[in-house]
Amino acid sequence: MNLVLVEWTDSSAYNGWHKFGAEDCVTQCVTIGILRHEDKEQIVLTPCISDFGNVSDTHAIPKGCIKRVRKLKVKSGRQN
């Protein structure tokens, strides 16, 4: 299992009345998840995998938006 932290830039949009110029920015994001898939166009993360192989809340991030990916260390074994 590869747990990763992804720093990426997302687009932003505003609906309705707002201060002029407020739409001239993008959003800086950080996502942590289990790396499920990676190819030349995207990486796909999920926060939860069951022992049956089911996943929850899949998140695909385009490679062009990614600034940095860091692999996180996971301690093995249970601690009480």
PDB file of N, CA and C in Angstrom:
ATOM      1  N   MET A   1       0.841  -1.172   0.000  1.00  0.00           N
ATOM      2  CA  MET A   1       0.000   0.000   0.000  1.00  0.00           C
ATOM      3  C   MET A   1       0.889   1.240   0.000  1.00  0.00           C
ATOM      4  N   ASN A   2       0.644   2.149  -0.936  1.00  0.00           N
ATOM      5  CA  ASN A   2       1.391   3.398  -1.027  1.00  0.00           C
ATOM      6  C   ASN A   2       0.523   4.557  -0.570  1.00  0.00           C
ATOM      7  N   LEU A   3       0.880   5.128   0.583  1.00  0.00           N
ATOM      8  CA  LEU A   3       0.188   6.293   1.097  1.00  0.00           C
ATOM      9  C   LEU A   3       0.974   7.513   0.649  1.00  0.00           C
ATOM     10  N   VAL A   4       0.289   8.487   0.016  1.00  0.00           N
ATOM     11  CA  VAL A   4       0.985   9.642  -0.540  1.00  0.00           C
ATOM     12  C   VAL A   4       0.313  10.950  -0.125  1.00  0.00           C
ATOM     13  N   LEU A   5       1.097  12.014  -0.136  1.00  0.00           N
ATOM     14  CA  LEU A   5       0.617  13.372   0.046  1.00  0.00           C
ATOM     15  C   LEU A   5       0.837  14.085  -1.276  1.00  0.00           C
ATOM     16  N   VAL A   6      -0.218  14.649  -1.836  1.00  0.00           N
ATOM     17  CA  VAL A   6      -0.141  15.318  -3.135  1.00  0.00           C
ATOM     18  C   VAL A   6      -0.429  16.798  -2.953  1.00  0.00           C
ATOM     19  N   GLU A   7       0.489  17.640  -3.400  1.00  0.00           N
ATOM     20  CA  GLU A   7       0.272  19.082  -3.428  1.00  0.00           C
ATOM     21  C   GLU A   7      -0.068  19.434  -4.866  1.00  0.00           C
ATOM     22  N   TRP A   8      -1.209  20.113  -5.047  1.00  0.00           N
ATOM     23  CA  TRP A   8      -1.670  20.382  -6.405  1.00  0.00           C
ATOM     24  C   TRP A   8      -2.474  21.669  -6.467  1.00  0.00           C
ATOM     25  N   THR A   9      -2.640  22.182  -7.675  1.00  0.00           N
ATOM     26  CA  THR A   9      -3.367  23.416  -7.919  1.00  0.00           C
ATOM     27  C   THR A   9      -4.686  23.081  -8.596  1.00  0.00           C
ATOM     28  N   ASP A  10      -5.768  23.660  -8.076  1.00  0.00           N
ATOM     29  CA  ASP A  10      -7.100  23.428  -8.639  1.00  0.00           C
ATOM     30  C   ASP A  10      -7.642  24.737  -9.185  1.00  0.00           C
ATOM     31  N   SER A  11      -8.546  24.626 -10.131  1.00  0.00           N
ATOM     32  CA  SER A  11      -9.207  25.818 -10.644  1.00  0.00           C
ATOM     33  C   SER A  11     -10.220  26.308  -9.610  1.00  0.00           C
ATOM     34  N   SER A  12     -10.642  27.542  -9.758  1.00  0.00           N
ATOM     35  CA  SER A  12     -11.682  28.059  -8.873  1.00  0.00           C
ATOM     36  C   SER A  12     -12.728  28.769  -9.720  1.00  0.00           C
ATOM     37  N   ALA A  13     -13.929  28.831  -9.202  1.00  0.00           N
ATOM     38  CA  ALA A  13     -15.019  29.496  -9.896  1.00  0.00           C
ATOM     39  C   ALA A  13     -15.904  30.182  -8.868  1.00  0.00           C
ATOM     40  N   TYR A  14     -16.502  31.272  -9.265  1.00  0.00           N
ATOM     41  CA  TYR A  14     -17.396  32.012  -8.390  1.00  0.00           C
ATOM     42  C   TYR A  14     -18.743  32.144  -9.082  1.00  0.00           C
ATOM     43  N   ASN A  15     -19.798  32.007  -8.304  1.00  0.00           N
ATOM     44  CA  ASN A  15     -21.149  32.118  -8.820  1.00  0.00           C
ATOM     45  C   ASN A  15     -21.821  33.309  -8.153  1.00  0.00           C
ATOM     46  N   GLY A  16     -22.554  34.071  -8.898  1.00  0.00           N
ATOM     47  CA  GLY A  16     -23.265  35.211  -8.321  1.00  0.00           C
ATOM     48  C   GLY A  16     -22.369  36.420  -8.162  1.00  0.00           C
ATOM     49  N   TRP A  17     -22.841  37.386  -7.406  1.00  0.00           N
ATOM     50  CA  TRP A  17     -22.116  38.625  -7.199  1.00  0.00           C
ATOM     51  C   TRP A  17     -20.891  38.414  -6.322  1.00  0.00           C
ATOM     52  N   HIS A  18     -19.796  39.031  -6.720  1.00  0.00           N
ATOM     53  CA  HIS A  18     -18.571  38.985  -5.931  1.00  0.00           C
ATOM     54  C   HIS A  18     -17.685  40.165  -6.322  1.00  0.00           C
ATOM     55  N   LYS A  19     -16.695  40.425  -5.523  1.00  0.00           N
ATOM     56  CA  LYS A  19     -15.793  41.547  -5.778  1.00  0.00           C
ATOM     57  C   LYS A  19     -15.015  41.306  -7.070  1.00  0.00           C
ATOM     58  N   PHE A  20     -14.957  42.289  -7.942  1.00  0.00           N
ATOM     59  CA  PHE A  20     -14.226  42.174  -9.196  1.00  0.00           C
ATOM     60  C   PHE A  20     -12.768  41.813  -8.933  1.00  0.00           C
ATOM     61  N   GLY A  21     -12.261  40.833  -9.647  1.00  0.00           N
ATOM     62  CA  GLY A  21     -10.880  40.382  -9.484  1.00  0.00           C
ATOM     63  C   GLY A  21     -10.743  39.182  -8.573  1.00  0.00           C
ATOM     64  N   ALA A  22     -11.782  38.883  -7.789  1.00  0.00           N
ATOM     65  CA  ALA A  22     -11.707  37.743  -6.862  1.00  0.00           C
ATOM     66  C   ALA A  22     -11.570  36.425  -7.602  1.00  0.00           C
ATOM     67  N   GLU A  23     -12.044  36.386  -8.840  1.00  0.00           N
ATOM     68  CA  GLU A  23     -11.985  35.142  -9.613  1.00  0.00           C
ATOM     69  C   GLU A  23     -10.613  34.913 -10.254  1.00  0.00           C
ATOM     70  N   ASP A  24      -9.706  35.844 -10.076  1.00  0.00           N
ATOM     71  CA  ASP A  24      -8.392  35.756 -10.716  1.00  0.00           C
ATOM     72  C   ASP A  24      -7.387  34.955  -9.905  1.00  0.00           C
ATOM     73  N   CYS A  25      -7.822  33.857  -9.316  1.00  0.00           N
ATOM     74  CA  CYS A  25      -6.891  33.060  -8.537  1.00  0.00           C
ATOM     75  C   CYS A  25      -7.234  31.573  -8.663  1.00  0.00           C
ATOM     76  N   VAL A  26      -6.255  30.764  -8.395  1.00  0.00           N
ATOM     77  CA  VAL A  26      -6.462  29.324  -8.330  1.00  0.00           C
ATOM     78  C   VAL A  26      -6.290  28.899  -6.877  1.00  0.00           C
ATOM     79  N   THR A  27      -6.661  27.685  -6.565  1.00  0.00           N
ATOM     80  CA  THR A  27      -6.632  27.189  -5.201  1.00  0.00           C
ATOM     81  C   THR A  27      -5.498  26.193  -5.026  1.00  0.00           C
ATOM     82  N   GLN A  28      -4.716  26.365  -3.960  1.00  0.00           N
ATOM     83  CA  GLN A  28      -3.645  25.425  -3.638  1.00  0.00           C
ATOM     84  C   GLN A  28      -4.224  24.337  -2.740  1.00  0.00           C
ATOM     85  N   CYS A  29      -4.040  23.070  -3.108  1.00  0.00           N
ATOM     86  CA  CYS A  29      -4.656  21.952  -2.395  1.00  0.00           C
ATOM     87  C   CYS A  29      -3.604  20.955  -1.913  1.00  0.00           C
ATOM     88  N   VAL A  30      -3.953  20.240  -0.862  1.00  0.00           N
ATOM     89  CA  VAL A  30      -3.153  19.129  -0.358  1.00  0.00           C
ATOM     90  C   VAL A  30      -4.113  17.968  -0.140  1.00  0.00           C
ATOM     91  N   THR A  31      -3.792  16.815  -0.723  1.00  0.00           N
ATOM     92  CA  THR A  31      -4.616  15.621  -0.566  1.00  0.00           C
ATOM     93  C   THR A  31      -3.737  14.473  -0.103  1.00  0.00           C
ATOM     94  N   ILE A  32      -4.206  13.736   0.906  1.00  0.00           N
ATOM     95  CA  ILE A  32      -3.514  12.542   1.387  1.00  0.00           C
ATOM     96  C   ILE A  32      -4.405  11.347   1.107  1.00  0.00           C
ATOM     97  N   GLY A  33      -3.823  10.296   0.540  1.00  0.00           N
ATOM     98  CA  GLY A  33      -4.618   9.108   0.260  1.00  0.00           C
ATOM     99  C   GLY A  33      -3.759   7.933  -0.160  1.00  0.00           C
ATOM    100  N   ILE A  34      -4.435   6.826  -0.399  1.00  0.00           N
ATOM    101  CA  ILE A  34      -3.795   5.603  -0.875  1.00  0.00           C
ATOM    102  C   ILE A  34      -3.750   5.667  -2.393  1.00  0.00           C
ATOM    103  N   LEU A  35      -2.568   5.521  -2.956  1.00  0.00           N
ATOM    104  CA  LEU A  35      -2.402   5.579  -4.407  1.00  0.00           C
ATOM    105  C   LEU A  35      -2.979   4.316  -5.034  1.00  0.00           C
ATOM    106  N   ARG A  36      -4.038   4.472  -5.824  1.00  0.00           N
ATOM    107  CA  ARG A  36      -4.705   3.335  -6.459  1.00  0.00           C
ATOM    108  C   ARG A  36      -4.271   3.131  -7.897  1.00  0.00           C
ATOM    109  N   HIS A  37      -3.940   4.234  -8.592  1.00  0.00           N
ATOM    110  CA  HIS A  37      -3.585   4.142 -10.013  1.00  0.00           C
ATOM    111  C   HIS A  37      -2.788   5.381 -10.397  1.00  0.00           C
ATOM    112  N   GLU A  38      -1.846   5.192 -11.308  1.00  0.00           N
ATOM    113  CA  GLU A  38      -1.098   6.314 -11.852  1.00  0.00           C
ATOM    114  C   GLU A  38      -0.752   6.009 -13.296  1.00  0.00           C
ATOM    115  N   ASP A  39      -0.970   7.007 -14.169  1.00  0.00           N
ATOM    116  CA  ASP A  39      -0.528   6.903 -15.556  1.00  0.00           C
ATOM    117  C   ASP A  39      -0.009   8.272 -15.982  1.00  0.00           C
ATOM    118  N   LYS A  40       0.244   8.481 -17.265  1.00  0.00           N
ATOM    119  CA  LYS A  40       0.853   9.730 -17.706  1.00  0.00           C
ATOM    120  C   LYS A  40      -0.071  10.933 -17.561  1.00  0.00           C
ATOM    121  N   GLU A  41      -1.377  10.716 -17.405  1.00  0.00           N
ATOM    122  CA  GLU A  41      -2.327  11.821 -17.334  1.00  0.00           C
ATOM    123  C   GLU A  41      -2.854  12.126 -15.935  1.00  0.00           C
ATOM    124  N   GLN A  42      -2.813  11.149 -15.011  1.00  0.00           N
ATOM    125  CA  GLN A  42      -3.457  11.340 -13.724  1.00  0.00           C
ATOM    126  C   GLN A  42      -2.900  10.424 -12.653  1.00  0.00           C
ATOM    127  N   ILE A  43      -3.206  10.789 -11.407  1.00  0.00           N
ATOM    128  CA  ILE A  43      -3.045   9.844 -10.311  1.00  0.00           C
ATOM    129  C   ILE A  43      -4.409   9.730  -9.631  1.00  0.00           C
ATOM    130  N   VAL A  44      -4.703   8.555  -9.108  1.00  0.00           N
ATOM    131  CA  VAL A  44      -5.993   8.295  -8.489  1.00  0.00           C
ATOM    132  C   VAL A  44      -5.751   7.847  -7.053  1.00  0.00           C
ATOM    133  N   LEU A  45      -6.404   8.554  -6.110  1.00  0.00           N
ATOM    134  CA  LEU A  45      -6.262   8.277  -4.694  1.00  0.00           C
ATOM    135  C   LEU A  45      -7.601   7.865  -4.096  1.00  0.00           C
ATOM    136  N   THR A  46      -7.538   7.126  -3.002  1.00  0.00           N
ATOM    137  CA  THR A  46      -8.716   6.808  -2.213  1.00  0.00           C
ATOM    138  C   THR A  46      -8.331   6.842  -0.743  1.00  0.00           C
ATOM    139  N   PRO A  47      -9.227   7.277   0.142  1.00  0.00           N
ATOM    140  CA  PRO A  47      -8.903   7.286   1.560  1.00  0.00           C
ATOM    141  C   PRO A  47      -9.186   5.963   2.257  1.00  0.00           C
ATOM    142  N   CYS A  48      -9.934   5.068   1.599  1.00  0.00           N
ATOM    143  CA  CYS A  48     -10.400   3.870   2.290  1.00  0.00           C
ATOM    144  C   CYS A  48     -10.466   2.674   1.341  1.00  0.00           C
ATOM    145  N   ILE A  49      -9.885   1.532   1.777  1.00  0.00           N
ATOM    146  CA  ILE A  49      -9.957   0.273   1.033  1.00  0.00           C
ATOM    147  C   ILE A  49     -10.399  -0.811   2.006  1.00  0.00           C
ATOM    148  N   SER A  50     -11.410  -1.587   1.609  1.00  0.00           N
ATOM    149  CA  SER A  50     -11.869  -2.672   2.479  1.00  0.00           C
ATOM    150  C   SER A  50     -11.044  -3.929   2.235  1.00  0.00           C
ATOM    151  N   ASP A  51     -11.190  -4.919   3.125  1.00  0.00           N
ATOM    152  CA  ASP A  51     -10.475  -6.178   2.933  1.00  0.00           C
ATOM    153  C   ASP A  51     -11.038  -6.966   1.745  1.00  0.00           C
ATOM    154  N   PHE A  52     -12.165  -6.534   1.183  1.00  0.00           N
ATOM    155  CA  PHE A  52     -12.716  -7.160  -0.024  1.00  0.00           C
ATOM    156  C   PHE A  52     -12.218  -6.482  -1.294  1.00  0.00           C
ATOM    157  N   GLY A  53     -11.432  -5.404  -1.141  1.00  0.00           N
ATOM    158  CA  GLY A  53     -10.901  -4.687  -2.295  1.00  0.00           C
ATOM    159  C   GLY A  53     -11.783  -3.545  -2.768  1.00  0.00           C
ATOM    160  N   ASN A  54     -12.862  -3.248  -2.044  1.00  0.00           N
ATOM    161  CA  ASN A  54     -13.714  -2.115  -2.397  1.00  0.00           C
ATOM    162  C   ASN A  54     -13.044  -0.825  -1.948  1.00  0.00           C
ATOM    163  N   VAL A  55     -13.267   0.252  -2.716  1.00  0.00           N
ATOM    164  CA  VAL A  55     -12.704   1.554  -2.373  1.00  0.00           C
ATOM    165  C   VAL A  55     -13.822   2.569  -2.177  1.00  0.00           C
ATOM    166  N   SER A  56     -13.497   3.647  -1.467  1.00  0.00           N
ATOM    167  CA  SER A  56     -14.472   4.700  -1.188  1.00  0.00           C
ATOM    168  C   SER A  56     -13.892   6.052  -1.578  1.00  0.00           C
ATOM    169  N   ASP A  57     -14.732   6.918  -2.112  1.00  0.00           N
ATOM    170  CA  ASP A  57     -14.372   8.319  -2.382  1.00  0.00           C
ATOM    171  C   ASP A  57     -13.118   8.475  -3.240  1.00  0.00           C
ATOM    172  N   THR A  58     -13.116   7.889  -4.407  1.00  0.00           N
ATOM    173  CA  THR A  58     -11.984   7.983  -5.321  1.00  0.00           C
ATOM    174  C   THR A  58     -11.784   9.420  -5.804  1.00  0.00           C
ATOM    175  N   HIS A  59     -10.521   9.854  -5.883  1.00  0.00           N
ATOM    176  CA  HIS A  59     -10.174  11.217  -6.283  1.00  0.00           C
ATOM    177  C   HIS A  59      -9.093  11.153  -7.364  1.00  0.00           C
ATOM    178  N   ALA A  60      -9.423  11.570  -8.584  1.00  0.00           N
ATOM    179  CA  ALA A  60      -8.460  11.612  -9.685  1.00  0.00           C
ATOM    180  C   ALA A  60      -7.924  13.033  -9.824  1.00  0.00           C
ATOM    181  N   ILE A  61      -6.603  13.172  -9.871  1.00  0.00           N
ATOM    182  CA  ILE A  61      -5.967  14.482  -9.998  1.00  0.00           C
ATOM    183  C   ILE A  61      -5.155  14.492 -11.288  1.00  0.00           C
ATOM    184  N   PRO A  62      -5.419  15.446 -12.194  1.00  0.00           N
ATOM    185  CA  PRO A  62      -4.642  15.524 -13.435  1.00  0.00           C
ATOM    186  C   PRO A  62      -3.173  15.823 -13.149  1.00  0.00           C
ATOM    187  N   LYS A  63      -2.267  15.162 -13.865  1.00  0.00           N
ATOM    188  CA  LYS A  63      -0.828  15.351 -13.660  1.00  0.00           C
ATOM    189  C   LYS A  63      -0.399  16.800 -13.879  1.00  0.00           C
ATOM    190  N   GLY A  64      -1.056  17.509 -14.786  1.00  0.00           N
ATOM    191  CA  GLY A  64      -0.704  18.901 -15.048  1.00  0.00           C
ATOM    192  C   GLY A  64      -0.963  19.825 -13.873  1.00  0.00           C
ATOM    193  N   CYS A  65      -1.767  19.403 -12.925  1.00  0.00           N
ATOM    194  CA  CYS A  65      -2.093  20.209 -11.740  1.00  0.00           C
ATOM    195  C   CYS A  65      -1.181  19.911 -10.560  1.00  0.00           C
ATOM    196  N   ILE A  66      -0.434  18.821 -10.635  1.00  0.00           N
ATOM    197  CA  ILE A  66       0.360  18.357  -9.496  1.00  0.00           C
ATOM    198  C   ILE A  66       1.685  19.103  -9.405  1.00  0.00           C
ATOM    199  N   LYS A  67       1.954  19.625  -8.205  1.00  0.00           N
ATOM    200  CA  LYS A  67       3.212  20.307  -7.937  1.00  0.00           C
ATOM    201  C   LYS A  67       4.231  19.374  -7.305  1.00  0.00           C
ATOM    202  N   ARG A  68       3.748  18.498  -6.404  1.00  0.00           N
ATOM    203  CA  ARG A  68       4.671  17.590  -5.721  1.00  0.00           C
ATOM    204  C   ARG A  68       3.901  16.409  -5.153  1.00  0.00           C
ATOM    205  N   VAL A  69       4.548  15.223  -5.190  1.00  0.00           N
ATOM    206  CA  VAL A  69       4.001  14.012  -4.580  1.00  0.00           C
ATOM    207  C   VAL A  69       5.052  13.478  -3.624  1.00  0.00           C
ATOM    208  N   ARG A  70       4.635  13.228  -2.379  1.00  0.00           N
ATOM    209  CA  ARG A  70       5.555  12.661  -1.389  1.00  0.00           C
ATOM    210  C   ARG A  70       4.978  11.354  -0.876  1.00  0.00           C
ATOM    211  N   LYS A  71       5.792  10.305  -0.871  1.00  0.00           N
ATOM    212  CA  LYS A  71       5.379   9.035  -0.302  1.00  0.00           C
ATOM    213  C   LYS A  71       5.501   9.127   1.216  1.00  0.00           C
ATOM    214  N   LEU A  72       4.460   8.702   1.913  1.00  0.00           N
ATOM    215  CA  LEU A  72       4.449   8.737   3.373  1.00  0.00           C
ATOM    216  C   LEU A  72       4.777   7.365   3.933  1.00  0.00           C
ATOM    217  N   LYS A  73       5.447   7.329   5.058  1.00  0.00           N
ATOM    218  CA  LYS A  73       5.772   6.061   5.712  1.00  0.00           C
ATOM    219  C   LYS A  73       4.602   5.628   6.572  1.00  0.00           C
ATOM    220  N   VAL A  74       4.314   4.345   6.538  1.00  0.00           N
ATOM    221  CA  VAL A  74       3.231   3.778   7.335  1.00  0.00           C
ATOM    222  C   VAL A  74       3.844   2.785   8.299  1.00  0.00           C
ATOM    223  N   LYS A  75       3.580   2.959   9.598  1.00  0.00           N
ATOM    224  CA  LYS A  75       4.067   1.998  10.586  1.00  0.00           C
ATOM    225  C   LYS A  75       3.239   0.734  10.460  1.00  0.00           C
ATOM    226  N   SER A  76       3.898  -0.401  10.497  1.00  0.00           N
ATOM    227  CA  SER A  76       3.163  -1.681  10.446  1.00  0.00           C
ATOM    228  C   SER A  76       2.897  -2.159  11.863  1.00  0.00           C
ATOM    229  N   GLY A  77       1.872  -2.969  11.998  1.00  0.00           N
ATOM    230  CA  GLY A  77       1.515  -3.511  13.315  1.00  0.00           C
ATOM    231  C   GLY A  77       0.562  -2.605  14.050  1.00  0.00           C
ATOM    232  N   ARG A  78      -0.100  -3.176  15.029  1.00  0.00           N
ATOM    233  CA  ARG A  78      -1.074  -2.423  15.824  1.00  0.00           C
ATOM    234  C   ARG A  78      -0.450  -1.917  17.102  1.00  0.00           C
ATOM    235  N   GLN A  79      -0.863  -0.734  17.488  1.00  0.00           N
ATOM    236  CA  GLN A  79      -0.402  -0.170  18.754  1.00  0.00           C
ATOM    237  C   GLN A  79      -1.629   0.125  19.596  1.00  0.00           C
ATOM    238  N   ASN A  80      -1.575  -0.238  20.861  1.00  0.00           N
ATOM    239  CA  ASN A  80      -2.708   0.024  21.774  1.00  0.00           C
ATOM    240  C   ASN A  80      -2.365   1.160  22.709  1.00  0.00           C
TER     241      ASN A  80
END
